Amino acid sequence: MNAWAEVGWGVVFGAATLMVAFNYRDVAGRIHGFMANTVGVNRLLTPAMVRFTCGVLAIASIVSVVVGLARP
């Protein structure tokens, strides 16, 4: 059961980060707006950077799920 839970978590995490990467409902802008009050984050954490980071995390998560399913 633990293996299936890991696969499920990977799929859910991959889907959520893909939604941010494709900017579904302006989520990247909302994350930027929430974090903009922190000192020094305003210039570093742009909505484009949030989308890029979540895209990389989504790819890594989906690859991990595919590799996990390919193993016997």
PDB file of N, CA and C in Angstrom:
ATOM      1  N   MET A   1       0.818  -1.197   0.000  1.00  0.00           N
ATOM      2  CA  MET A   1       0.000   0.000   0.000  1.00  0.00           C
ATOM      3  C   MET A   1       0.858   1.255   0.000  1.00  0.00           C
ATOM      4  N   ASN A   2       2.032   1.183   0.576  1.00  0.00           N
ATOM      5  CA  ASN A   2       2.906   2.348   0.642  1.00  0.00           C
ATOM      6  C   ASN A   2       3.338   2.785  -0.751  1.00  0.00           C
ATOM      7  N   ALA A   3       3.580   1.835  -1.648  1.00  0.00           N
ATOM      8  CA  ALA A   3       3.999   2.179  -3.007  1.00  0.00           C
ATOM      9  C   ALA A   3       2.887   2.928  -3.734  1.00  0.00           C
ATOM     10  N   TRP A   4       1.635   2.496  -3.546  1.00  0.00           N
ATOM     11  CA  TRP A   4       0.522   3.173  -4.201  1.00  0.00           C
ATOM     12  C   TRP A   4       0.298   4.571  -3.618  1.00  0.00           C
ATOM     13  N   ALA A   5       0.535   4.721  -2.338  1.00  0.00           N
ATOM     14  CA  ALA A   5       0.405   6.042  -1.723  1.00  0.00           C
ATOM     15  C   ALA A   5       1.459   6.992  -2.288  1.00  0.00           C
ATOM     16  N   GLU A   6       2.649   6.482  -2.512  1.00  0.00           N
ATOM     17  CA  GLU A   6       3.711   7.304  -3.092  1.00  0.00           C
ATOM     18  C   GLU A   6       3.363   7.713  -4.527  1.00  0.00           C
ATOM     19  N   VAL A   7       2.813   6.780  -5.285  1.00  0.00           N
ATOM     20  CA  VAL A   7       2.398   7.097  -6.652  1.00  0.00           C
ATOM     21  C   VAL A   7       1.268   8.124  -6.641  1.00  0.00           C
ATOM     22  N   GLY A   8       0.295   7.935  -5.756  1.00  0.00           N
ATOM     23  CA  GLY A   8      -0.810   8.881  -5.652  1.00  0.00           C
ATOM     24  C   GLY A   8      -0.343  10.271  -5.275  1.00  0.00           C
ATOM     25  N   TRP A   9       0.560  10.337  -4.312  1.00  0.00           N
ATOM     26  CA  TRP A   9       1.098  11.628  -3.901  1.00  0.00           C
ATOM     27  C   TRP A   9       1.839  12.288  -5.052  1.00  0.00           C
ATOM     28  N   GLY A  10       2.618  11.516  -5.794  1.00  0.00           N
ATOM     29  CA  GLY A  10       3.355  12.057  -6.938  1.00  0.00           C
ATOM     30  C   GLY A  10       2.428  12.603  -8.009  1.00  0.00           C
ATOM     31  N   VAL A  11       1.338  11.896  -8.268  1.00  0.00           N
ATOM     32  CA  VAL A  11       0.377  12.347  -9.275  1.00  0.00           C
ATOM     33  C   VAL A  11      -0.317  13.634  -8.820  1.00  0.00           C
ATOM     34  N   VAL A  12      -0.749  13.672  -7.574  1.00  0.00           N
ATOM     35  CA  VAL A  12      -1.433  14.864  -7.062  1.00  0.00           C
ATOM     36  C   VAL A  12      -0.483  16.063  -7.035  1.00  0.00           C
ATOM     37  N   PHE A  13       0.736  15.856  -6.571  1.00  0.00           N
ATOM     38  CA  PHE A  13       1.710  16.943  -6.526  1.00  0.00           C
ATOM     39  C   PHE A  13       2.063  17.418  -7.928  1.00  0.00           C
ATOM     40  N   GLY A  14       2.248  16.470  -8.846  1.00  0.00           N
ATOM     41  CA  GLY A  14       2.549  16.828 -10.236  1.00  0.00           C
ATOM     42  C   GLY A  14       1.417  17.615 -10.872  1.00  0.00           C
ATOM     43  N   ALA A  15       0.178  17.201 -10.621  1.00  0.00           N
ATOM     44  CA  ALA A  15      -0.970  17.923 -11.177  1.00  0.00           C
ATOM     45  C   ALA A  15      -1.081  19.326 -10.595  1.00  0.00           C
ATOM     46  N   ALA A  16      -0.861  19.459  -9.295  1.00  0.00           N
ATOM     47  CA  ALA A  16      -0.962  20.777  -8.655  1.00  0.00           C
ATOM     48  C   ALA A  16       0.124  21.723  -9.162  1.00  0.00           C
ATOM     49  N   THR A  17       1.343  21.230  -9.296  1.00  0.00           N
ATOM     50  CA  THR A  17       2.414  22.097  -9.784  1.00  0.00           C
ATOM     51  C   THR A  17       2.244  22.414 -11.266  1.00  0.00           C
ATOM     52  N   LEU A  18       1.666  21.491 -12.038  1.00  0.00           N
ATOM     53  CA  LEU A  18       1.365  21.808 -13.435  1.00  0.00           C
ATOM     54  C   LEU A  18       0.309  22.901 -13.537  1.00  0.00           C
ATOM     55  N   MET A  19      -0.660  22.869 -12.637  1.00  0.00           N
ATOM     56  CA  MET A  19      -1.679  23.914 -12.641  1.00  0.00           C
ATOM     57  C   MET A  19      -1.055  25.280 -12.366  1.00  0.00           C
ATOM     58  N   VAL A  20      -0.096  25.340 -11.477  1.00  0.00           N
ATOM     59  CA  VAL A  20       0.594  26.606 -11.211  1.00  0.00           C
ATOM     60  C   VAL A  20       1.463  26.981 -12.408  1.00  0.00           C
ATOM     61  N   ALA A  21       2.151  25.996 -13.006  1.00  0.00           N
ATOM     62  CA  ALA A  21       3.030  26.281 -14.145  1.00  0.00           C
ATOM     63  C   ALA A  21       2.240  26.830 -15.330  1.00  0.00           C
ATOM     64  N   PHE A  22       1.031  26.334 -15.540  1.00  0.00           N
ATOM     65  CA  PHE A  22       0.199  26.834 -16.630  1.00  0.00           C
ATOM     66  C   PHE A  22      -0.655  28.023 -16.194  1.00  0.00           C
ATOM     67  N   ASN A  23      -0.417  28.506 -14.979  1.00  0.00           N
ATOM     68  CA  ASN A  23      -1.051  29.703 -14.426  1.00  0.00           C
ATOM     69  C   ASN A  23      -2.575  29.591 -14.398  1.00  0.00           C
ATOM     70  N   TYR A  24      -3.066  28.465 -13.963  1.00  0.00           N
ATOM     71  CA  TYR A  24      -4.501  28.261 -13.833  1.00  0.00           C
ATOM     72  C   TYR A  24      -5.051  29.199 -12.767  1.00  0.00           C
ATOM     73  N   ARG A  25      -6.025  30.009 -13.134  1.00  0.00           N
ATOM     74  CA  ARG A  25      -6.684  30.979 -12.249  1.00  0.00           C
ATOM     75  C   ARG A  25      -5.692  31.952 -11.610  1.00  0.00           C
ATOM     76  N   ASP A  26      -4.636  32.290 -12.343  1.00  0.00           N
ATOM     77  CA  ASP A  26      -3.639  33.272 -11.910  1.00  0.00           C
ATOM     78  C   ASP A  26      -3.025  32.911 -10.548  1.00  0.00           C
ATOM     79  N   VAL A  27      -2.739  31.642 -10.373  1.00  0.00           N
ATOM     80  CA  VAL A  27      -2.184  31.177  -9.098  1.00  0.00           C
ATOM     81  C   VAL A  27      -0.786  31.742  -8.878  1.00  0.00           C
ATOM     82  N   ALA A  28       0.022  31.825  -9.942  1.00  0.00           N
ATOM     83  CA  ALA A  28       1.385  32.347  -9.779  1.00  0.00           C
ATOM     84  C   ALA A  28       1.364  33.791  -9.296  1.00  0.00           C
ATOM     85  N   GLY A  29       0.440  34.580  -9.811  1.00  0.00           N
ATOM     86  CA  GLY A  29       0.313  35.967  -9.357  1.00  0.00           C
ATOM     87  C   GLY A  29      -0.145  36.048  -7.912  1.00  0.00           C
ATOM     88  N   ARG A  30      -1.016  35.133  -7.518  1.00  0.00           N
ATOM     89  CA  ARG A  30      -1.478  35.123  -6.127  1.00  0.00           C
ATOM     90  C   ARG A  30      -0.359  34.733  -5.169  1.00  0.00           C
ATOM     91  N   ILE A  31       0.460  33.742  -5.574  1.00  0.00           N
ATOM     92  CA  ILE A  31       1.603  33.359  -4.731  1.00  0.00           C
ATOM     93  C   ILE A  31       2.567  34.530  -4.631  1.00  0.00           C
ATOM     94  N   HIS A  32       2.820  35.200  -5.748  1.00  0.00           N
ATOM     95  CA  HIS A  32       3.702  36.368  -5.734  1.00  0.00           C
ATOM     96  C   HIS A  32       3.135  37.463  -4.834  1.00  0.00           C
ATOM     97  N   GLY A  33       1.846  37.722  -4.932  1.00  0.00           N
ATOM     98  CA  GLY A  33       1.220  38.752  -4.103  1.00  0.00           C
ATOM     99  C   GLY A  33       1.273  38.425  -2.626  1.00  0.00           C
ATOM    100  N   PHE A  34       1.120  37.142  -2.299  1.00  0.00           N
ATOM    101  CA  PHE A  34       1.177  36.723  -0.904  1.00  0.00           C
ATOM    102  C   PHE A  34       2.582  36.874  -0.344  1.00  0.00           C
ATOM    103  N   MET A  35       3.588  36.540  -1.160  1.00  0.00           N
ATOM    104  CA  MET A  35       4.968  36.577  -0.700  1.00  0.00           C
ATOM    105  C   MET A  35       5.623  37.951  -0.871  1.00  0.00           C
ATOM    106  N   ALA A  36       4.962  38.882  -1.553  1.00  0.00           N
ATOM    107  CA  ALA A  36       5.582  40.174  -1.870  1.00  0.00           C
ATOM    108  C   ALA A  36       5.835  41.022  -0.629  1.00  0.00           C
ATOM    109  N   ASN A  37       5.175  40.758   0.464  1.00  0.00           N
ATOM    110  CA  ASN A  37       5.384  41.547   1.682  1.00  0.00           C
ATOM    111  C   ASN A  37       6.679  41.186   2.393  1.00  0.00           C
ATOM    112  N   THR A  38       7.299  40.066   2.016  1.00  0.00           N
ATOM    113  CA  THR A  38       8.551  39.651   2.625  1.00  0.00           C
ATOM    114  C   THR A  38       9.695  40.472   2.021  1.00  0.00           C
ATOM    115  N   VAL A  39      10.635  40.887   2.839  1.00  0.00           N
ATOM    116  CA  VAL A  39      11.729  41.741   2.390  1.00  0.00           C
ATOM    117  C   VAL A  39      12.598  41.002   1.374  1.00  0.00           C
ATOM    118  N   GLY A  40      12.845  41.623   0.228  1.00  0.00           N
ATOM    119  CA  GLY A  40      13.734  41.074  -0.783  1.00  0.00           C
ATOM    120  C   GLY A  40      13.100  40.054  -1.708  1.00  0.00           C
ATOM    121  N   VAL A  41      11.881  39.670  -1.451  1.00  0.00           N
ATOM    122  CA  VAL A  41      11.250  38.629  -2.261  1.00  0.00           C
ATOM    123  C   VAL A  41      10.585  39.231  -3.490  1.00  0.00           C
ATOM    124  N   ASN A  42      10.238  40.483  -3.447  1.00  0.00           N
ATOM    125  CA  ASN A  42       9.462  41.100  -4.514  1.00  0.00           C
ATOM    126  C   ASN A  42      10.160  41.005  -5.870  1.00  0.00           C
ATOM    127  N   ARG A  43      11.469  41.241  -5.914  1.00  0.00           N
ATOM    128  CA  ARG A  43      12.187  41.178  -7.187  1.00  0.00           C
ATOM    129  C   ARG A  43      12.592  39.769  -7.553  1.00  0.00           C
ATOM    130  N   LEU A  44      12.811  38.920  -6.581  1.00  0.00           N
ATOM    131  CA  LEU A  44      13.281  37.560  -6.846  1.00  0.00           C
ATOM    132  C   LEU A  44      12.139  36.626  -7.217  1.00  0.00           C
ATOM    133  N   LEU A  45      11.041  36.720  -6.513  1.00  0.00           N
ATOM    134  CA  LEU A  45       9.934  35.779  -6.691  1.00  0.00           C
ATOM    135  C   LEU A  45       8.857  36.407  -7.577  1.00  0.00           C
ATOM    136  N   THR A  46       9.147  36.493  -8.860  1.00  0.00           N
ATOM    137  CA  THR A  46       8.171  37.024  -9.806  1.00  0.00           C
ATOM    138  C   THR A  46       7.201  35.906 -10.194  1.00  0.00           C
ATOM    139  N   PRO A  47       6.045  36.250 -10.747  1.00  0.00           N
ATOM    140  CA  PRO A  47       5.128  35.196 -11.196  1.00  0.00           C
ATOM    141  C   PRO A  47       5.760  34.261 -12.229  1.00  0.00           C
ATOM    142  N   ALA A  48       6.628  34.800 -13.088  1.00  0.00           N
ATOM    143  CA  ALA A  48       7.309  33.943 -14.069  1.00  0.00           C
ATOM    144  C   ALA A  48       8.230  32.944 -13.380  1.00  0.00           C
ATOM    145  N   MET A  49       8.922  33.387 -12.328  1.00  0.00           N
ATOM    146  CA  MET A  49       9.816  32.484 -11.593  1.00  0.00           C
ATOM    147  C   MET A  49       9.020  31.423 -10.848  1.00  0.00           C
ATOM    148  N   VAL A  50       7.870  31.798 -10.315  1.00  0.00           N
ATOM    149  CA  VAL A  50       7.002  30.818  -9.650  1.00  0.00           C
ATOM    150  C   VAL A  50       6.547  29.773 -10.655  1.00  0.00           C
ATOM    151  N   ARG A  51       6.138  30.213 -11.839  1.00  0.00           N
ATOM    152  CA  ARG A  51       5.687  29.282 -12.872  1.00  0.00           C
ATOM    153  C   ARG A  51       6.812  28.365 -13.327  1.00  0.00           C
ATOM    154  N   PHE A  52       8.018  28.909 -13.521  1.00  0.00           N
ATOM    155  CA  PHE A  52       9.161  28.098 -13.936  1.00  0.00           C
ATOM    156  C   PHE A  52       9.519  27.063 -12.884  1.00  0.00           C
ATOM    157  N   THR A  53       9.579  27.482 -11.629  1.00  0.00           N
ATOM    158  CA  THR A  53       9.925  26.568 -10.542  1.00  0.00           C
ATOM    159  C   THR A  53       8.899  25.449 -10.418  1.00  0.00           C
ATOM    160  N   CYS A  54       7.636  25.783 -10.496  1.00  0.00           N
ATOM    161  CA  CYS A  54       6.595  24.760 -10.405  1.00  0.00           C
ATOM    162  C   CYS A  54       6.618  23.839 -11.620  1.00  0.00           C
ATOM    163  N   GLY A  55       6.985  24.360 -12.780  1.00  0.00           N
ATOM    164  CA  GLY A  55       7.125  23.510 -13.958  1.00  0.00           C
ATOM    165  C   GLY A  55       8.227  22.489 -13.794  1.00  0.00           C
ATOM    166  N   VAL A  56       9.356  22.921 -13.245  1.00  0.00           N
ATOM    167  CA  VAL A  56      10.466  21.990 -12.994  1.00  0.00           C
ATOM    168  C   VAL A  56      10.058  20.943 -11.955  1.00  0.00           C
ATOM    169  N   LEU A  57       9.388  21.370 -10.896  1.00  0.00           N
ATOM    170  CA  LEU A  57       8.927  20.424  -9.880  1.00  0.00           C
ATOM    171  C   LEU A  57       7.909  19.431 -10.454  1.00  0.00           C
ATOM    172  N   ALA A  58       7.046  19.905 -11.342  1.00  0.00           N
ATOM    173  CA  ALA A  58       6.050  19.025 -11.962  1.00  0.00           C
ATOM    174  C   ALA A  58       6.724  17.976 -12.827  1.00  0.00           C
ATOM    175  N   ILE A  59       7.709  18.379 -13.610  1.00  0.00           N
ATOM    176  CA  ILE A  59       8.426  17.421 -14.457  1.00  0.00           C
ATOM    177  C   ILE A  59       9.135  16.390 -13.599  1.00  0.00           C
ATOM    178  N   ALA A  60       9.803  16.830 -12.548  1.00  0.00           N
ATOM    179  CA  ALA A  60      10.502  15.890 -11.669  1.00  0.00           C
ATOM    180  C   ALA A  60       9.532  14.929 -10.998  1.00  0.00           C
ATOM    181  N   SER A  61       8.384  15.412 -10.579  1.00  0.00           N
ATOM    182  CA  SER A  61       7.394  14.565  -9.920  1.00  0.00           C
ATOM    183  C   SER A  61       6.807  13.539 -10.882  1.00  0.00           C
ATOM    184  N   ILE A  62       6.484  13.972 -12.095  1.00  0.00           N
ATOM    185  CA  ILE A  62       5.890  13.055 -13.067  1.00  0.00           C
ATOM    186  C   ILE A  62       6.907  12.012 -13.514  1.00  0.00           C
ATOM    187  N   VAL A  63       8.153  12.407 -13.705  1.00  0.00           N
ATOM    188  CA  VAL A  63       9.195  11.436 -14.047  1.00  0.00           C
ATOM    189  C   VAL A  63       9.366  10.431 -12.915  1.00  0.00           C
ATOM    190  N   SER A  64       9.320  10.892 -11.684  1.00  0.00           N
ATOM    191  CA  SER A  64       9.433   9.987 -10.540  1.00  0.00           C
ATOM    192  C   SER A  64       8.286   8.977 -10.506  1.00  0.00           C
ATOM    193  N   VAL A  65       7.079   9.426 -10.818  1.00  0.00           N
ATOM    194  CA  VAL A  65       5.929   8.521 -10.848  1.00  0.00           C
ATOM    195  C   VAL A  65       6.089   7.493 -11.957  1.00  0.00           C
ATOM    196  N   VAL A  66       6.525   7.933 -13.128  1.00  0.00           N
ATOM    197  CA  VAL A  66       6.679   7.009 -14.264  1.00  0.00           C
ATOM    198  C   VAL A  66       7.767   5.980 -13.969  1.00  0.00           C
ATOM    199  N   VAL A  67       8.882   6.419 -13.398  1.00  0.00           N
ATOM    200  CA  VAL A  67       9.948   5.484 -13.056  1.00  0.00           C
ATOM    201  C   VAL A  67       9.482   4.527 -11.967  1.00  0.00           C
ATOM    202  N   GLY A  68       8.731   5.031 -11.005  1.00  0.00           N
ATOM    203  CA  GLY A  68       8.215   4.169  -9.936  1.00  0.00           C
ATOM    204  C   GLY A  68       7.241   3.126 -10.459  1.00  0.00           C
ATOM    205  N   LEU A  69       6.443   3.490 -11.452  1.00  0.00           N
ATOM    206  CA  LEU A  69       5.502   2.520 -12.034  1.00  0.00           C
ATOM    207  C   LEU A  69       6.210   1.517 -12.944  1.00  0.00           C
ATOM    208  N   ALA A  70       7.334   1.919 -13.530  1.00  0.00           N
ATOM    209  CA  ALA A  70       8.048   1.019 -14.428  1.00  0.00           C
ATOM    210  C   ALA A  70       8.798  -0.081 -13.684  1.00  0.00           C
ATOM    211  N   ARG A  71       9.124   0.162 -12.442  1.00  0.00           N
ATOM    212  CA  ARG A  71       9.825  -0.862 -11.648  1.00  0.00           C
ATOM    213  C   ARG A  71       8.833  -1.933 -11.203  1.00  0.00           C
ATOM    214  N   PRO A  72       9.266  -3.173 -11.211  1.00  0.00           N
ATOM    215  CA  PRO A  72       8.350  -4.260 -10.809  1.00  0.00           C
ATOM    216  C   PRO A  72       8.062  -4.277  -9.325  1.00  0.00           C
TER     217      PRO A  72
END
